[in-house]
Amino acid sequence: MPGLLGKKFPAPVAGPMWPFFAAGLVIMYGINSAQTAMMNSAEFKNDPRNPSAASPKPADKH
């Protein structure tokens, strides 16, 4: 009984796709660098939504 996907053909899938994988990595690196530069800029340095901004520590309740 054949599988649910039909006949399997021995076609290379990952080999011809390597330029797209490499381009995706370059784009992700560029976006990460731009986000980091924006988070450290003067405009967004003190924004409370900035994860790297210095936020006050919550008071300890004992």
Protein backbone atom coordinates (compact mmCIF):
# COMPACT_ATOMS: atom_id res chain seq x y z
CA MET A 1 0.00 0.00 0.00
CA PRO A 2 1.54 3.36 -0.97
CA GLY A 3 1.98 6.04 1.64
CA LEU A 4 -0.36 8.96 2.10
CA LEU A 5 1.93 11.29 0.16
CA GLY A 6 2.14 9.15 -2.94
CA LYS A 7 5.27 7.97 -4.71
CA LYS A 8 8.60 9.17 -3.36
CA PHE A 9 11.04 10.68 -5.84
CA PRO A 10 14.76 10.92 -5.06
CA ALA A 11 14.92 14.69 -5.65
CA PRO A 12 17.39 16.85 -3.73
CA VAL A 13 15.58 19.35 -1.54
CA ALA A 14 18.12 21.01 0.76
CA GLY A 15 20.91 21.21 -1.83
CA PRO A 16 19.32 23.70 -4.22
CA MET A 17 17.90 25.71 -1.31
CA TRP A 18 21.27 26.66 0.29
CA PRO A 19 21.32 30.21 -1.20
CA PHE A 20 17.95 30.92 0.38
CA PHE A 21 19.08 29.54 3.75
CA ALA A 22 22.23 31.67 3.60
CA ALA A 23 20.25 34.77 2.62
CA GLY A 24 17.84 34.14 5.50
CA LEU A 25 20.74 33.99 7.97
CA VAL A 26 22.19 37.24 6.59
CA ILE A 27 18.80 38.98 6.88
CA MET A 28 18.27 37.71 10.44
CA TYR A 29 21.75 38.95 11.43
CA GLY A 30 21.03 42.36 9.93
CA ILE A 31 17.67 42.67 11.70
CA ASN A 32 19.26 41.65 15.01
CA SER A 33 22.04 44.23 14.59
CA ALA A 34 19.52 46.96 13.73
CA GLN A 35 17.36 46.11 16.74
CA THR A 36 20.34 46.15 19.08
CA ALA A 37 21.52 49.50 17.70
CA MET A 38 18.01 50.93 18.06
CA MET A 39 17.64 49.68 21.65
CA ASN A 40 20.95 51.34 22.59
CA SER A 41 20.16 54.64 20.82
CA ALA A 42 19.43 57.81 22.77
CA GLU A 43 15.82 57.90 21.62
CA PHE A 44 14.85 54.53 23.10
CA LYS A 45 17.41 54.28 25.94
CA ASN A 46 14.93 55.13 28.71
CA ASP A 47 11.80 53.63 27.15
CA PRO A 48 10.12 51.32 29.69
CA ARG A 49 9.43 48.78 26.93
CA ASN A 50 13.15 48.43 26.26
CA PRO A 51 14.33 45.10 27.74
CA SER A 52 17.85 46.42 28.27
CA ALA A 53 16.71 49.64 29.96
CA ALA A 54 17.58 50.04 33.62
CA SER A 55 14.33 49.34 35.40
CA PRO A 56 13.84 49.84 39.13
CA LYS A 57 13.91 46.65 41.15
CA PRO A 58 10.60 45.66 42.74
CA ALA A 59 10.41 46.08 46.50
CA ASP A 60 10.94 42.92 48.52
CA LYS A 61 7.96 42.08 50.74
CA HIS A 62 9.05 40.22 53.86
